[in-house]
Amino acid sequence: MTARIYQPAKTAMQSGRAKAHHWVLDFEQAEAKRRDPLMGWTSSGDTRQQLRLEFESREEAIAYAERNGVPYTVQEPKARTVTPKSYADNFAWKQTR
C-alpha cells in the first residue's frame, strides 16, 4: 500500500494562505469499496484509507514514511504566481493598437 505526500490547496472559502503550509500523508486504496445491500452505504475493509496525517514540513512526512516502511510518492505543489493589481487599473485608459 503506497502513500501520497502532498501539500493541499486552499479551500474555496479562504481568501488568504493561512493554514495551507502543512503537508499531508494519505494512503491509497488497498481494496475496492463495496455497497451494502441493506442500507446502501459504501464501505471498505481498509482502515488505513481513513487516515490523514498532517506534518509541518515535507521532510517530516518523508521521514515518517521511511521510518515506518511505507512506500510513498511526493507530489510537489504547483507554483503560484500572483500579479499585483489595484482597483484603479480597472478604469485606467490604456492605448491598444
Protein backbone atom coordinates (compact mmCIF):
# COMPACT_ATOMS: atom_id res chain seq x y z
CA MET A 1 0.00 0.00 0.00
CA THR A 2 1.58 3.25 -1.10
CA ALA A 3 1.10 6.66 0.44
CA ARG A 4 0.82 10.04 -1.21
CA ILE A 5 2.57 13.05 0.33
CA TYR A 6 1.30 16.42 -0.86
CA GLN A 7 0.58 19.98 0.17
CA PRO A 8 -3.19 20.55 -0.06
CA ALA A 9 -4.65 23.52 -1.90
CA LYS A 10 -6.55 26.15 0.00
CA THR A 11 -10.31 25.75 0.11
CA ALA A 12 -12.61 27.95 -1.92
CA MET A 13 -13.84 29.57 1.30
CA GLN A 14 -10.41 31.02 2.08
CA SER A 15 -9.01 34.18 0.61
CA GLY A 16 -5.61 34.01 2.30
CA ARG A 17 -2.90 31.37 2.53
CA ALA A 18 -3.13 30.77 6.29
CA LYS A 19 -3.16 27.12 7.39
CA ALA A 20 -2.17 25.99 3.89
CA HIS A 21 1.52 25.42 4.57
CA HIS A 22 1.29 21.94 6.07
CA TRP A 23 1.93 18.63 4.30
CA VAL A 24 -0.45 15.65 4.27
CA LEU A 25 0.21 11.90 4.04
CA ASP A 26 -2.75 9.91 2.64
CA PHE A 27 -2.87 6.19 1.99
CA GLU A 28 -4.21 4.86 -1.30
CA GLN A 29 -6.97 2.24 -1.52
CA ALA A 30 -5.86 -1.32 -0.85
CA GLU A 31 -9.19 -2.84 -1.83
CA ALA A 32 -12.24 -1.70 -3.73
CA LYS A 33 -15.20 -0.17 -1.93
CA ARG A 34 -18.42 -2.11 -1.88
CA ARG A 35 -22.05 -1.14 -1.43
CA ASP A 36 -24.03 -2.53 1.49
CA PRO A 37 -27.15 -4.20 0.05
CA LEU A 38 -29.40 -3.37 3.01
CA MET A 39 -28.62 0.29 3.76
CA GLY A 40 -26.89 1.29 0.54
CA TRP A 41 -23.83 2.68 2.34
CA THR A 42 -20.42 2.46 0.76
CA SER A 43 -17.88 0.60 2.88
CA SER A 44 -14.44 -0.92 2.76
CA GLY A 45 -12.38 -3.21 4.95
CA ASP A 46 -9.34 -0.99 4.52
CA THR A 47 -8.97 1.17 7.64
CA ARG A 48 -5.75 2.89 6.54
CA GLN A 49 -7.78 4.73 3.95
CA GLN A 50 -9.39 6.73 6.77
CA LEU A 51 -6.04 8.09 7.98
CA ARG A 52 -4.88 11.56 7.10
CA LEU A 53 -1.63 12.54 8.79
CA GLU A 54 -0.53 16.20 8.78
CA PHE A 55 3.08 17.34 9.08
CA GLU A 56 4.77 20.71 9.35
CA SER A 57 7.20 20.03 6.51
CA ARG A 58 7.74 17.71 3.57
CA GLU A 59 10.86 16.26 5.19
CA GLU A 60 8.90 15.24 8.31
CA ALA A 61 6.35 13.38 6.19
CA ILE A 62 9.07 11.59 4.23
CA ALA A 63 10.90 10.68 7.43
CA TYR A 64 7.70 9.21 8.90
CA ALA A 65 7.07 7.11 5.78
CA GLU A 66 10.64 5.81 5.70
CA ARG A 67 10.70 5.11 9.44
CA ASN A 68 7.53 3.00 9.16
CA GLY A 69 8.47 1.29 5.89
CA VAL A 70 5.66 2.82 3.86
CA PRO A 71 6.34 3.28 0.13
CA TYR A 72 5.42 6.81 -0.89
CA THR A 73 5.19 9.28 -3.74
CA VAL A 74 5.65 13.02 -3.31
CA GLN A 75 3.54 15.49 -5.26
CA GLU A 76 5.15 18.92 -5.36
CA PRO A 77 2.77 21.90 -5.21
CA LYS A 78 2.25 23.92 -8.35
CA ALA A 79 3.99 27.28 -8.44
CA ARG A 80 1.56 30.10 -7.88
CA THR A 81 2.25 33.46 -9.44
CA VAL A 82 0.31 36.46 -8.26
CA THR A 83 0.40 39.67 -10.24
CA PRO A 84 -0.31 42.68 -8.05
CA LYS A 85 -3.34 44.65 -9.18
CA SER A 86 -5.17 47.66 -7.94
CA TYR A 87 -8.79 48.69 -8.29
CA ALA A 88 -7.76 51.77 -10.27
CA ASP A 89 -6.39 49.53 -13.04
CA ASN A 90 -9.97 48.63 -13.96
CA PHE A 91 -10.60 52.22 -15.05
CA ALA A 92 -7.21 53.16 -16.45
CA TRP A 93 -7.14 54.28 -20.07
CA LYS A 94 -4.76 52.07 -21.96
CA GLN A 95 -3.96 52.63 -25.57
CA THR A 96 -4.05 49.37 -27.51
CA ARG A 97 -3.14 49.09 -31.18
